[in-house]
Amino acid sequence: MKKYALLSVGELLVDVIGTEIHHSILDTDVFERFQGGSPANMAANMARLGMNTAIVSCVGNDNLGIFLKNEVAKTGIDISHIATDEIQPTSIVIVSRTKGTPDFIAYRTADRMIQPHHIPDNLLAESAIFHTTCFALSQDPAQSAIVDAAKRANALGCRVSLDANYAPQIWPDRKQAWETISAYCSHNALVKLSEDDAERIYGHKVSEEQVIKDFHAMGADLVCFTKGGDGSTISYEKGTKKIHLGVKPIDVIDATGAGDAFWAGFLTAWTEGKSVEICANAGGNLAALKLVTKGPLPAVVDKAVLY
C-alpha cells in the first residue's frame, strides 16, 4: 500500500472572480478571491473520499501564497511539498462571472517555477498515481520538471495521469504543446480529455476515433474521452479494449468541476484495483453528485457513493 493514492502536481493559484454576471472583465467592477488550480481540486476530491493525497506546487513568498496553502490544507491534502519561490509572486487568474465562456487573464508567475528537486524519487515511489494538467505543462521550468518526473514515476511503479485540459490562451504554441503532451503520455499514461479539450488541442472539430488513436500512438495506456450529456468512451490496454458509459438524466445545478470529480472517482477506484468498467462507473457517480451540488463537493463523501 502506497503512502499517497494521488500525488497531484501543477498550478496552485488565486482565482479572482467577478461577483456579478457580466459579459467580460471590462464591465466587472467587484471581484472575490478563491483558491484555484485543477491539481488541488483533483487531490481535494480524492481526500474527500478518504484517500491520502499530496500536492507539489509552487507559490510566492507572499500573503496570497499563505492564503493558498491555508485553503488547500483545509481539504485534507498534504501541503508539505508546496514550494515557495523567493522571487516570483503567487500566480493569479482574473475571471469574469458569466453564463457563457468566461473572459480570463492569467498572470503566470510562481506556479511555473516547479523544479525537478521538488519531485524527488522517494515521493514518487510512495505515490500510486502522479497526476498533472496541460496548464502545468505549458511553461518551463515546470514543463521540463514534470515530464522528467513522469518518466521517473513510471519507472518507480507510480501510474502517470494527465488531464489534457489544453487552452490556446495559456499555451499558444500548439506544435510545442503536442510535443510536450506526447512526451508525457509516452510513459504509459492514463489520460482524460473532453470533446472541448480535443477541439482546442487540434484547433478544429475532430472525431472521437481519431483522438483515441492519436493518444494511444503517443503511448497512453488508457484514454477517457468525455462527451458531456452523451457520456464517455474509455479505450484501454493501448486501444485493444473499449467501453462506452452513458449518463443518467439529472437536473444539473452546477457543472463546474464535474470533469475533476469524474476523474477523481475513476482514479480512486483505479487505486483500489477495480476493473476499468467499475472505475468508469465510479467516475460517473462522483460527477453526478457534483452536478447536483452547488459549489464544491461536501467535505466528506462516503466512498460507497462510487460503487
Protein backbone atom coordinates (compact mmCIF):
# COMPACT_ATOMS: atom_id res chain seq x y z
CA MET A 1 0.00 0.00 0.00
CA LYS A 2 1.48 3.35 -1.05
CA LYS A 3 1.52 6.34 1.30
CA TYR A 4 -0.38 8.54 -1.20
CA ALA A 5 -3.18 7.44 -3.54
CA LEU A 6 -2.54 10.60 -5.57
CA LEU A 7 0.39 12.97 -5.97
CA SER A 8 -1.08 15.95 -7.83
CA VAL A 9 1.49 18.24 -9.46
CA GLY A 10 0.98 21.65 -11.02
CA GLU A 11 -0.66 25.03 -10.81
CA LEU A 12 -1.84 26.43 -7.50
CA LEU A 13 -3.13 29.94 -8.00
CA VAL A 14 -5.59 32.55 -6.86
CA ASP A 15 -8.76 32.83 -8.94
CA VAL A 16 -10.00 36.42 -8.77
CA ILE A 17 -13.61 36.08 -9.96
CA GLY A 18 -16.18 38.78 -10.70
CA THR A 19 -19.05 38.86 -8.19
CA GLU A 20 -21.76 39.89 -10.66
CA ILE A 21 -22.58 38.40 -14.07
CA HIS A 22 -21.08 40.38 -16.95
CA HIS A 23 -20.00 39.55 -20.47
CA SER A 24 -16.37 40.50 -19.86
CA ILE A 25 -13.76 41.66 -17.34
CA LEU A 26 -14.07 45.14 -18.87
CA ASP A 27 -17.55 45.52 -17.33
CA THR A 28 -16.69 43.87 -13.99
CA ASP A 29 -16.02 46.17 -11.02
CA VAL A 30 -16.06 43.87 -7.99
CA PHE A 31 -14.06 40.65 -7.62
CA GLU A 32 -13.68 37.95 -4.97
CA ARG A 33 -10.66 35.67 -4.39
CA PHE A 34 -10.73 31.87 -4.37
CA GLN A 35 -8.16 29.09 -4.25
CA GLY A 36 -7.81 27.81 -7.82
CA GLY A 37 -5.93 25.26 -9.86
CA SER A 38 -7.21 21.91 -11.12
CA PRO A 39 -4.45 19.76 -9.46
CA ALA A 40 -5.56 20.86 -5.98
CA ASN A 41 -9.22 20.26 -6.88
CA MET A 42 -8.38 16.71 -8.00
CA ALA A 43 -6.44 15.98 -4.81
CA ALA A 44 -9.21 17.54 -2.68
CA ASN A 45 -11.89 15.38 -4.32
CA MET A 46 -9.92 12.22 -3.54
CA ALA A 47 -9.20 13.46 0.00
CA ARG A 48 -12.98 13.92 0.48
CA LEU A 49 -13.34 10.21 -0.35
CA GLY A 50 -10.90 9.39 2.47
CA MET A 51 -7.81 8.89 0.29
CA ASN A 52 -4.35 10.20 1.24
CA THR A 53 -3.27 12.83 -1.28
CA ALA A 54 -0.39 15.28 -1.61
CA ILE A 55 0.31 18.23 -3.89
CA VAL A 56 3.52 19.58 -5.43
CA SER A 57 3.07 23.23 -6.42
CA CYS A 58 4.94 26.49 -6.19
CA VAL A 59 3.66 29.76 -4.68
CA GLY A 60 5.28 33.11 -3.99
CA ASN A 61 6.72 34.24 -0.68
CA ASP A 62 3.70 36.45 -0.05
CA ASN A 63 0.30 36.56 1.63
CA LEU A 64 -1.51 35.09 -1.36
CA GLY A 65 0.80 32.08 -1.12
CA ILE A 66 -0.10 31.73 2.57
CA PHE A 67 -3.81 32.05 1.68
CA LEU A 68 -3.50 29.22 -0.88
CA LYS A 69 -1.65 26.89 1.49
CA ASN A 70 -4.23 27.50 4.22
CA GLU A 71 -7.14 26.85 1.83
CA VAL A 72 -5.61 23.64 0.44
CA ALA A 73 -4.78 22.35 3.95
CA LYS A 74 -8.46 22.64 4.92
CA THR A 75 -9.35 19.96 2.35
CA GLY A 76 -7.07 17.38 3.96
CA ILE A 77 -4.35 17.39 1.28
CA ASP A 78 -0.73 17.07 2.50
CA ILE A 79 0.74 20.51 1.72
CA SER A 80 4.30 19.80 2.89
CA HIS A 81 5.52 19.58 -0.73
CA ILE A 82 4.30 23.04 -1.76
CA ALA A 83 7.42 25.05 -2.58
CA THR A 84 7.89 28.80 -2.11
CA ASP A 85 9.70 30.84 -4.75
CA GLU A 86 11.58 33.78 -3.21
CA ILE A 87 11.43 35.95 -6.36
CA GLN A 88 8.22 35.24 -8.29
CA PRO A 89 4.91 36.29 -6.72
CA THR A 90 1.95 33.91 -6.42
CA SER A 91 0.15 33.37 -9.75
CA ILE A 92 -3.32 34.85 -10.26
CA VAL A 93 -6.07 34.39 -12.83
CA ILE A 94 -8.71 37.09 -13.23
CA VAL A 95 -12.05 35.72 -14.44
CA SER A 96 -15.41 37.24 -15.38
CA ARG A 97 -18.55 35.63 -13.94
CA THR A 98 -20.65 34.82 -16.98
CA LYS A 99 -23.31 32.46 -18.28
CA GLY A 100 -21.14 31.65 -21.32
CA THR A 101 -17.40 31.05 -21.73
CA PRO A 102 -15.66 33.22 -19.12
CA ASP A 103 -13.29 36.02 -20.10
CA PHE A 104 -10.00 35.43 -18.25
CA ILE A 105 -6.45 36.77 -17.95
CA ALA A 106 -3.70 34.58 -16.43
CA TYR A 107 -0.70 36.13 -14.69
CA ARG A 108 1.78 33.22 -14.66
CA THR A 109 4.50 33.71 -12.08
CA ALA A 110 5.38 31.31 -9.23
CA ASP A 111 3.11 28.46 -10.42
CA ARG A 112 5.50 27.62 -13.30
CA MET A 113 8.61 27.54 -11.05
CA ILE A 114 8.34 23.84 -10.14
CA GLN A 115 11.85 22.32 -10.28
CA PRO A 116 12.99 18.66 -10.54
CA HIS A 117 14.11 18.60 -6.89
CA HIS A 118 10.55 19.48 -5.81
CA ILE A 119 9.50 16.00 -7.09
CA PRO A 120 12.08 13.57 -5.59
CA ASP A 121 12.16 9.85 -6.37
CA ASN A 122 11.21 8.87 -2.81
CA LEU A 123 7.97 10.90 -3.11
CA LEU A 124 7.14 9.27 -6.47
CA ALA A 125 7.88 5.79 -5.07
CA GLU A 126 5.36 6.27 -2.25
CA SER A 127 2.58 7.52 -4.58
CA ALA A 128 0.15 5.32 -6.54
CA ILE A 129 -0.69 7.96 -9.16
CA PHE A 130 1.23 11.00 -10.46
CA HIS A 131 -1.26 13.50 -11.92
CA THR A 132 -0.86 16.78 -13.79
CA THR A 133 -2.57 19.15 -16.25
CA CYS A 134 -1.84 20.92 -19.54
CA PHE A 135 -1.80 24.23 -17.65
CA ALA A 136 1.10 22.92 -15.53
CA LEU A 137 2.91 21.55 -18.60
CA SER A 138 2.60 24.77 -20.60
CA GLN A 139 5.68 26.67 -19.35
CA ASP A 140 9.22 25.92 -18.26
CA PRO A 141 10.79 25.20 -15.83
CA ALA A 142 7.69 23.29 -14.58
CA GLN A 143 7.18 21.74 -18.04
CA SER A 144 10.59 20.00 -18.15
CA ALA A 145 10.48 19.12 -14.44
CA ILE A 146 7.07 17.43 -14.74
CA VAL A 147 7.87 15.49 -17.93
CA ASP A 148 11.11 14.28 -16.30
CA ALA A 149 9.20 13.30 -13.14
CA ALA A 150 6.64 11.36 -15.23
CA LYS A 151 9.46 9.27 -16.69
CA ARG A 152 10.84 8.58 -13.20
CA ALA A 153 7.34 7.88 -11.82
CA ASN A 154 6.65 5.26 -14.47
CA ALA A 155 9.98 3.55 -13.73
CA LEU A 156 9.17 3.57 -9.99
CA GLY A 157 5.77 1.90 -10.38
CA CYS A 158 3.71 5.08 -9.98
CA ARG A 159 1.00 5.45 -12.67
CA VAL A 160 1.08 8.67 -14.68
CA SER A 161 -2.18 10.61 -15.20
CA LEU A 162 -2.98 13.66 -17.36
CA ASP A 163 -5.95 15.99 -17.54
CA ALA A 164 -5.45 17.15 -21.15
CA ASN A 165 -7.25 20.47 -20.48
CA TYR A 166 -5.41 22.37 -23.21
CA ALA A 167 -6.24 26.07 -23.69
CA PRO A 168 -4.66 28.09 -26.52
CA GLN A 169 -4.67 31.29 -24.39
CA ILE A 170 -2.44 29.51 -21.85
CA TRP A 171 -0.32 27.61 -24.38
CA PRO A 172 -0.31 29.43 -27.76
CA ASP A 173 2.43 27.26 -29.36
CA ARG A 174 0.25 24.31 -30.39
CA LYS A 175 3.12 22.40 -32.04
CA GLN A 176 5.18 22.57 -28.87
CA ALA A 177 2.09 21.57 -26.84
CA TRP A 178 1.68 18.43 -28.96
CA GLU A 179 5.35 17.51 -28.47
CA THR A 180 5.17 18.01 -24.69
CA ILE A 181 1.85 16.17 -24.27
CA SER A 182 3.25 13.34 -26.40
CA ALA A 183 6.43 13.14 -24.28
CA TYR A 184 4.33 12.97 -21.11
CA CYS A 185 1.86 10.39 -22.48
CA SER A 186 4.72 8.15 -23.65
CA HIS A 187 5.14 6.99 -20.04
CA ASN A 188 2.08 4.67 -20.18
CA ALA A 189 -0.27 7.49 -19.15
CA LEU A 190 -3.92 7.43 -18.13
CA VAL A 191 -5.46 10.39 -20.00
CA LYS A 192 -8.75 12.23 -19.55
CA LEU A 193 -9.98 14.77 -22.07
CA SER A 194 -13.33 16.20 -23.11
CA GLU A 195 -14.71 16.92 -26.59
CA ASP A 196 -13.97 20.62 -25.96
CA ASP A 197 -10.39 19.84 -24.87
CA ALA A 198 -9.86 17.83 -28.07
CA GLU A 199 -11.19 20.61 -30.28
CA ARG A 200 -8.81 23.08 -28.59
CA ILE A 201 -5.80 20.74 -28.89
CA TYR A 202 -6.41 20.04 -32.60
CA GLY A 203 -7.63 23.54 -33.44
CA HIS A 204 -10.74 22.10 -35.15
CA LYS A 205 -13.52 19.54 -34.62
CA VAL A 206 -12.18 16.01 -34.62
CA SER A 207 -13.70 12.52 -34.36
CA GLU A 208 -13.56 10.53 -31.13
CA GLU A 209 -11.83 7.68 -33.01
CA GLN A 210 -9.04 9.99 -34.22
CA VAL A 211 -8.42 11.43 -30.74
CA ILE A 212 -8.24 8.00 -29.12
CA LYS A 213 -5.99 6.63 -31.89
CA ASP A 214 -3.59 9.60 -31.64
CA PHE A 215 -3.27 9.47 -27.84
CA HIS A 216 -2.59 5.72 -27.88
CA ALA A 217 0.02 6.35 -30.61
CA MET A 218 1.76 8.78 -28.19
CA GLY A 219 1.98 5.93 -25.66
CA ALA A 220 -1.10 6.48 -23.48
CA ASP A 221 -2.31 3.21 -21.97
CA LEU A 222 -5.87 4.44 -21.28
CA VAL A 223 -7.84 7.30 -22.86
CA CYS A 224 -11.04 8.53 -21.26
CA PHE A 225 -12.96 10.74 -23.72
CA THR A 226 -15.86 12.56 -22.05
CA LYS A 227 -18.79 13.89 -24.06
CA GLY A 228 -20.99 15.74 -21.55
CA GLY A 229 -24.58 14.58 -21.88
CA ASP A 230 -23.51 11.81 -24.29
CA GLY A 231 -21.46 10.03 -21.62
CA SER A 232 -17.89 8.87 -22.21
CA THR A 233 -15.77 6.36 -24.09
CA ILE A 234 -12.86 4.65 -22.37
CA SER A 235 -10.27 2.98 -24.57
CA TYR A 236 -7.70 0.93 -22.66
CA GLU A 237 -4.90 -1.61 -22.87
CA LYS A 238 -3.36 0.57 -25.60
CA GLY A 239 -6.63 0.68 -27.52
CA THR A 240 -7.32 -3.07 -27.68
CA LYS A 241 -10.41 -2.72 -25.44
CA LYS A 242 -13.17 -0.13 -25.29
CA ILE A 243 -16.25 0.62 -23.21
CA HIS A 244 -18.97 3.27 -23.53
CA LEU A 245 -20.58 4.82 -20.49
CA GLY A 246 -23.94 6.57 -20.67
CA VAL A 247 -25.19 9.22 -18.26
CA LYS A 248 -28.28 9.12 -16.08
CA PRO A 249 -30.67 12.04 -16.62
CA ILE A 250 -30.28 14.55 -13.75
CA ASP A 251 -31.22 18.17 -13.11
CA VAL A 252 -27.87 19.94 -13.27
CA ILE A 253 -27.35 22.58 -10.57
CA ASP A 254 -23.62 23.33 -11.03
CA ALA A 255 -21.43 21.78 -13.74
CA THR A 256 -18.19 23.48 -12.59
CA GLY A 257 -15.63 20.86 -11.60
CA ALA A 258 -17.64 17.89 -12.90
CA GLY A 259 -14.67 16.74 -15.00
CA ASP A 260 -12.34 16.81 -11.97
CA ALA A 261 -14.97 14.89 -9.97
CA PHE A 262 -15.26 12.24 -12.71
CA TRP A 263 -11.51 11.67 -12.85
CA ALA A 264 -11.17 11.68 -9.05
CA GLY A 265 -13.82 8.96 -8.79
CA PHE A 266 -12.21 6.99 -11.63
CA LEU A 267 -8.69 7.16 -10.14
CA THR A 268 -9.89 6.34 -6.62
CA ALA A 269 -11.44 3.12 -7.91
CA TRP A 270 -8.30 2.51 -10.02
CA THR A 271 -6.04 2.69 -6.94
CA GLU A 272 -8.32 0.13 -5.28
CA GLY A 273 -7.64 -2.30 -8.14
CA LYS A 274 -11.13 -2.16 -9.67
CA SER A 275 -11.86 -3.03 -13.31
CA VAL A 276 -11.95 -0.22 -15.90
CA GLU A 277 -15.75 -0.60 -16.10
CA ILE A 278 -16.15 -0.15 -12.34
CA CYS A 279 -13.70 2.80 -12.42
CA ALA A 280 -15.74 4.44 -15.18
CA ASN A 281 -18.99 4.00 -13.23
CA ALA A 282 -17.30 5.34 -10.08
CA GLY A 283 -16.26 8.44 -12.02
CA GLY A 284 -19.77 8.87 -13.38
CA ASN A 285 -21.29 8.55 -9.91
CA LEU A 286 -18.99 11.18 -8.37
CA ALA A 287 -19.55 13.54 -11.34
CA ALA A 288 -23.32 13.11 -10.91
CA LEU A 289 -23.01 14.09 -7.24
CA LYS A 290 -21.01 17.18 -8.28
CA LEU A 291 -23.61 18.18 -10.88
CA VAL A 292 -26.36 18.33 -8.24
CA THR A 293 -24.14 20.12 -5.66
CA LYS A 294 -23.78 23.91 -5.74
CA GLY A 295 -20.09 24.79 -5.21
CA PRO A 296 -17.53 22.13 -4.24
CA LEU A 297 -18.39 18.62 -3.10
CA PRO A 298 -19.11 18.13 0.63
CA ALA A 299 -16.04 17.98 2.92
CA VAL A 300 -16.57 14.26 3.46
CA VAL A 301 -18.03 11.95 0.80
CA ASP A 302 -18.81 8.32 1.61
CA LYS A 303 -16.71 6.20 -0.75
CA ALA A 304 -19.74 3.90 -1.15
CA VAL A 305 -21.15 6.61 -3.49
CA LEU A 306 -18.63 5.42 -6.10
CA TYR A 307 -19.87 1.85 -6.20
